[in-house]
Amino acid sequence: MYYQFHNVLSPAKLNLGLRVVGKRPDGYHLLKSIFCLIDLCDQIEIQITENGKISLIEHQQAWFYQKDLSYRAAKLLQEYTSCKLGANIKIKKVIPSGAGMGGGSSNAATVLMVLNKLWKTNLSQQELIDLGVKLGADVPFFIVGKNALVEGIGEIITPIEIPQLYFVILKPDFHVPTKDIFSNLEVNFEEINQQQITIEQLLHEKTNDLEKIVKKIYPQINDIFNDINQYGNPVMTGSGSCIYLTFSDKNIAKKVANILSPGYNIFLAARLPVSTVAS
């Protein structure tokens, strides 16, 4: 018996500021950042199967599909719940990979939430979050599905309201491995006053502590910053490599996107109030 495909959208995020405020004994860094959902989305189609097999259809990434976060999310849910059903999963990628926009984590969260409904495994949101942590630090945020102040290693999520914003996002033609950035991070945590890192400060200044490391390792990114800073305050999201400009006026954002698009890979996006898929 064949079931129909269920279509859902899996949104990206931008970091509106990212401060590194500490480091755990296990080596994980503690962060403080505003995660903003945007309307740049991958499209995911999921079809339930009765044979228990999980397949990623038309997988076009550089890695084997068994390593894909979406596949691992489905397997994790299946094993945790002892579900006998399977799924065919098809992902149409729009969110660039290795960009600091959380595409893979968003896909994994979306698969967890949708299969939880389609397989009728009926896990609570907190149970899904607990599974999501095993897949990646950004996955819990996408399960909560609301713009938020995110702290710790990604597990402390405080939903907040973010004003309507528009973003011109530039994707450089190189990837930035997250591990390389954090391994080169030099921060004097004793000098950090967390009380001064407020939501307002993050929203206004959008300071990203990882940006200077990327500029050092990939000096070509400095040319991009210098080229586009005449249009606003360019900021890197996450560990890179995407850079964005923020606007409150949609028409101005469109004009800047049109100016930059001949020379760069440009995405135009708007803040989402809540995720396109709810748990």
Protein backbone atom coordinates (compact mmCIF):
# COMPACT_ATOMS: atom_id res chain seq x y z
CA MET A 1 0.00 0.00 0.00
CA TYR A 2 1.31 3.43 -0.97
CA TYR A 3 0.61 6.53 1.08
CA GLN A 4 0.52 10.07 -0.27
CA PHE A 5 3.46 12.43 0.19
CA HIS A 6 3.11 15.08 2.89
CA ASN A 7 4.71 18.40 1.95
CA VAL A 8 6.21 20.70 4.59
CA LEU A 9 8.56 23.67 4.63
CA SER A 10 11.72 23.63 6.73
CA PRO A 11 12.92 27.18 7.55
CA ALA A 12 16.43 28.58 7.97
CA LYS A 13 17.63 30.82 10.80
CA LEU A 14 19.98 33.75 11.20
CA ASN A 15 21.99 34.56 14.32
CA LEU A 16 21.25 38.14 15.34
CA GLY A 17 24.44 38.39 17.35
CA LEU A 18 26.43 35.46 18.73
CA ARG A 19 28.54 35.81 21.87
CA VAL A 20 30.76 33.05 23.24
CA VAL A 21 30.45 33.33 27.02
CA GLY A 22 32.09 30.20 28.41
CA LYS A 23 33.38 26.68 27.86
CA ARG A 24 32.33 23.44 29.50
CA PRO A 25 34.80 20.83 30.77
CA ASP A 26 33.81 18.58 27.84
CA GLY A 27 35.01 21.22 25.37
CA TYR A 28 31.62 22.54 24.25
CA HIS A 29 31.38 26.32 24.10
CA LEU A 30 28.58 28.21 25.83
CA LEU A 31 26.82 30.74 23.64
CA LYS A 32 24.35 33.57 23.89
CA SER A 33 22.57 34.40 20.65
CA ILE A 34 19.27 35.46 19.16
CA PHE A 35 18.01 32.88 16.67
CA CYS A 36 15.69 34.42 14.08
CA LEU A 37 13.56 32.23 11.82
CA ILE A 38 13.41 33.39 8.20
CA ASP A 39 11.20 32.53 5.25
CA LEU A 40 14.02 30.88 3.28
CA CYS A 41 12.90 27.25 3.39
CA ASP A 42 13.78 23.81 2.14
CA GLN A 43 10.84 21.72 0.93
CA ILE A 44 10.48 18.28 2.46
CA GLU A 45 8.19 15.55 1.18
CA ILE A 46 7.55 12.54 3.40
CA GLN A 47 5.73 9.35 2.44
CA ILE A 48 4.96 6.68 5.02
CA THR A 49 5.83 3.10 4.12
CA GLU A 50 4.85 -0.16 5.79
CA ASN A 51 8.11 -2.03 5.19
CA GLY A 52 10.00 -0.24 7.99
CA LYS A 53 12.69 1.04 5.61
CA ILE A 54 13.83 4.68 5.73
CA SER A 55 15.07 6.13 2.44
CA LEU A 56 16.27 9.54 1.33
CA ILE A 57 15.03 9.88 -2.25
CA GLU A 58 17.01 11.92 -4.79
CA HIS A 59 19.70 12.65 -2.21
CA GLN A 60 22.09 15.06 -3.93
CA GLN A 61 24.50 15.97 -1.16
CA ALA A 62 28.21 15.16 -1.13
CA TRP A 63 27.85 12.72 1.77
CA PHE A 64 26.17 9.30 1.97
CA TYR A 65 22.50 9.65 2.86
CA GLN A 66 22.97 7.51 5.99
CA LYS A 67 25.03 10.40 7.42
CA ASP A 68 22.38 13.00 6.61
CA LEU A 69 20.79 14.54 9.70
CA SER A 70 17.29 13.96 8.31
CA TYR A 71 17.93 10.25 7.84
CA ARG A 72 19.50 10.01 11.30
CA ALA A 73 16.51 11.85 12.80
CA ALA A 74 14.06 9.36 11.27
CA LYS A 75 16.16 6.36 12.41
CA LEU A 76 16.47 7.80 15.91
CA LEU A 77 12.71 8.29 16.25
CA GLN A 78 12.02 4.84 14.80
CA GLU A 79 14.43 3.13 17.21
CA TYR A 80 13.36 5.17 20.25
CA THR A 81 9.67 4.38 19.72
CA SER A 82 10.10 0.87 18.23
CA CYS A 83 7.94 2.03 15.32
CA LYS A 84 7.46 -0.60 12.60
CA LEU A 85 6.63 1.90 9.87
CA GLY A 86 9.17 3.42 7.46
CA ALA A 87 9.39 6.54 5.33
CA ASN A 88 10.52 7.88 1.99
CA ILE A 89 11.98 11.36 2.49
CA LYS A 90 12.66 13.80 -0.33
CA ILE A 91 14.36 17.13 0.37
CA LYS A 92 14.49 19.98 -2.12
CA LYS A 93 17.36 22.13 -0.83
CA VAL A 94 17.17 25.90 -0.99
CA ILE A 95 19.05 26.77 2.22
CA PRO A 96 22.77 26.71 1.40
CA SER A 97 24.88 24.14 3.26
CA GLY A 98 27.84 25.11 5.43
CA ALA A 99 26.40 28.60 5.71
CA GLY A 100 25.57 29.11 9.39
CA MET A 101 21.84 29.05 8.62
CA GLY A 102 20.93 25.76 10.26
CA GLY A 103 19.52 24.02 7.19
CA GLY A 104 20.50 20.49 8.23
CA SER A 105 19.30 21.01 11.80
CA SER A 106 16.01 22.45 10.55
CA ASN A 107 15.51 19.45 8.26
CA ALA A 108 16.19 17.04 11.13
CA ALA A 109 13.75 18.84 13.43
CA THR A 110 11.10 18.91 10.72
CA VAL A 111 11.47 15.19 10.03
CA LEU A 112 11.19 14.41 13.75
CA MET A 113 8.02 16.49 14.15
CA VAL A 114 6.28 15.31 10.99
CA LEU A 115 7.07 11.62 11.48
CA ASN A 116 5.96 11.87 15.10
CA LYS A 117 2.54 12.76 13.73
CA LEU A 118 2.44 10.47 10.70
CA TRP A 119 3.76 7.45 12.59
CA LYS A 120 1.45 8.33 15.51
CA THR A 121 4.35 7.88 17.94
CA ASN A 122 2.87 10.74 20.00
CA LEU A 123 6.02 11.99 21.71
CA SER A 124 5.75 15.30 23.57
CA GLN A 125 7.64 18.36 22.41
CA GLN A 126 10.12 17.87 25.27
CA GLU A 127 10.73 14.25 24.24
CA LEU A 128 11.38 15.41 20.68
CA ILE A 129 13.78 18.06 21.99
CA ASP A 130 15.63 15.40 24.01
CA LEU A 131 16.04 13.36 20.82
CA GLY A 132 17.00 16.44 18.84
CA VAL A 133 19.89 17.28 21.19
CA LYS A 134 21.50 13.99 20.16
CA LEU A 135 21.50 15.15 16.54
CA GLY A 136 22.83 18.68 16.92
CA ALA A 137 22.86 21.79 19.10
CA ASP A 138 20.52 23.78 16.80
CA VAL A 139 17.86 21.08 16.44
CA PRO A 140 15.96 21.90 19.69
CA PHE A 141 15.46 25.52 18.55
CA PHE A 142 13.75 24.37 15.35
CA ILE A 143 11.53 21.99 17.32
CA VAL A 144 10.39 24.85 19.56
CA GLY A 145 9.81 26.80 16.34
CA LYS A 146 9.81 30.33 17.77
CA ASN A 147 12.30 33.18 17.58
CA ALA A 148 14.34 32.98 20.74
CA LEU A 149 17.26 33.92 22.91
CA VAL A 150 19.36 30.74 22.83
CA GLU A 151 21.92 30.02 25.54
CA GLY A 152 24.11 27.23 26.84
CA ILE A 153 25.10 24.93 24.00
CA GLY A 154 21.71 25.51 22.40
CA GLU A 155 19.47 23.82 24.95
CA ILE A 156 18.28 26.93 26.86
CA ILE A 157 15.63 28.48 24.62
CA THR A 158 13.65 31.57 25.65
CA PRO A 159 11.10 32.66 23.01
CA ILE A 160 11.13 36.39 22.30
CA GLU A 161 9.39 38.80 19.96
CA ILE A 162 11.48 40.16 17.09
CA PRO A 163 10.29 43.12 15.00
CA GLN A 164 9.56 42.61 11.32
CA LEU A 165 12.93 42.60 9.59
CA TYR A 166 14.16 41.91 6.07
CA PHE A 167 17.53 40.42 5.22
CA VAL A 168 19.79 40.48 2.20
CA ILE A 169 21.90 37.34 2.62
CA LEU A 170 25.12 36.77 0.71
CA LYS A 171 26.59 33.28 0.33
CA PRO A 172 30.34 33.28 -0.42
CA ASP A 173 31.63 30.56 -2.72
CA PHE A 174 33.40 28.66 0.07
CA HIS A 175 32.29 26.60 3.09
CA VAL A 176 33.43 27.21 6.65
CA PRO A 177 33.80 24.04 8.79
CA THR A 178 32.35 24.81 12.22
CA LYS A 179 34.94 22.71 14.05
CA ASP A 180 37.80 24.72 12.52
CA ILE A 181 36.32 27.97 13.79
CA PHE A 182 35.75 26.84 17.37
CA SER A 183 39.16 25.16 17.56
CA ASN A 184 40.77 28.52 16.72
CA LEU A 185 38.61 30.50 19.12
CA GLU A 186 40.52 32.56 21.68
CA VAL A 187 38.31 34.20 24.31
CA ASN A 188 39.15 35.42 27.81
CA PHE A 189 35.99 34.28 29.57
CA GLU A 190 36.97 36.04 32.81
CA GLU A 191 36.59 39.39 31.06
CA ILE A 192 33.06 38.65 29.83
CA ASN A 193 30.23 40.30 31.72
CA GLN A 194 27.16 38.32 30.70
CA GLN A 195 24.90 40.90 32.31
CA GLN A 196 25.90 43.36 29.60
CA ILE A 197 24.91 40.98 26.81
CA THR A 198 21.22 41.85 26.65
CA ILE A 199 18.60 40.99 24.07
CA GLU A 200 18.58 44.67 23.04
CA GLN A 201 22.36 44.68 22.60
CA LEU A 202 22.29 41.53 20.49
CA LEU A 203 19.45 42.87 18.34
CA HIS A 204 21.05 46.27 17.85
CA GLU A 205 24.75 45.45 17.48
CA LYS A 206 24.52 41.86 16.19
CA THR A 207 28.11 41.21 17.28
CA ASN A 208 29.32 37.73 16.26
CA ASP A 209 32.41 36.57 18.17
CA LEU A 210 33.14 33.95 15.49
CA GLU A 211 33.38 36.52 12.71
CA LYS A 212 36.96 37.61 13.46
CA ILE A 213 38.20 34.01 13.35
CA VAL A 214 36.60 33.42 9.95
CA LYS A 215 38.14 36.67 8.70
CA LYS A 216 41.54 35.42 9.86
CA ILE A 217 41.28 31.91 8.38
CA TYR A 218 39.47 33.00 5.21
CA PRO A 219 40.88 36.50 4.50
CA GLN A 220 38.96 36.68 1.21
CA ILE A 221 35.80 37.27 3.23
CA ASN A 222 37.17 40.68 4.26
CA ASP A 223 36.80 41.89 0.66
CA ILE A 224 33.10 41.04 0.78
CA PHE A 225 32.60 42.96 4.04
CA ASN A 226 34.42 45.96 2.60
CA ASP A 227 32.36 45.83 -0.57
CA ILE A 228 28.93 45.73 1.03
CA ASN A 229 29.32 47.82 4.20
CA GLN A 230 28.17 50.89 2.27
CA TYR A 231 24.68 49.36 2.30
CA GLY A 232 24.44 48.74 6.04
CA ASN A 233 26.05 46.73 8.82
CA PRO A 234 27.18 43.38 7.37
CA VAL A 235 27.22 40.55 9.89
CA MET A 236 28.11 36.88 9.63
CA THR A 237 25.58 34.31 10.83
CA GLY A 238 26.64 31.39 13.02
CA SER A 239 30.10 30.11 12.16
CA GLY A 240 29.64 31.29 8.57
CA SER A 241 30.03 31.59 5.75
CA CYS A 242 26.84 33.58 5.01
CA ILE A 243 26.81 37.33 5.63
CA TYR A 244 23.65 39.38 5.92
CA LEU A 245 22.42 42.97 5.92
CA THR A 246 19.35 43.91 7.97
CA PHE A 247 16.55 46.28 6.91
CA SER A 248 13.23 47.37 8.37
CA ASP A 249 11.99 48.48 4.94
CA LYS A 250 11.22 45.69 2.48
CA ASN A 251 11.61 47.90 -0.58
CA ILE A 252 15.07 49.06 0.44
CA ALA A 253 16.08 45.44 1.03
CA LYS A 254 14.87 44.56 -2.47
CA LYS A 255 16.86 47.42 -4.01
CA VAL A 256 20.07 46.38 -2.26
CA ALA A 257 19.52 42.74 -3.24
CA ASN A 258 19.13 43.80 -6.87
CA ILE A 259 22.32 45.87 -6.72
CA LEU A 260 24.37 43.02 -5.22
CA SER A 261 22.89 40.05 -7.09
CA PRO A 262 25.00 40.40 -10.29
CA GLY A 263 28.21 39.93 -8.30
CA TYR A 264 27.14 37.61 -5.50
CA ASN A 265 24.93 34.67 -4.65
CA ILE A 266 22.11 36.59 -2.96
CA PHE A 267 19.02 35.52 -0.99
CA LEU A 268 16.27 37.91 0.08
CA ALA A 269 14.40 36.82 3.22
CA ALA A 270 12.06 38.10 5.91
CA ARG A 271 11.69 37.28 9.59
CA LEU A 272 9.16 34.55 10.32
CA PRO A 273 7.04 35.03 13.47
CA VAL A 274 6.84 31.26 14.04
CA SER A 275 8.08 28.16 12.26
CA THR A 276 6.29 26.88 9.20
CA VAL A 277 5.95 23.50 10.89
CA ALA A 278 4.64 23.21 14.44
CA SER A 279 5.11 20.25 16.75
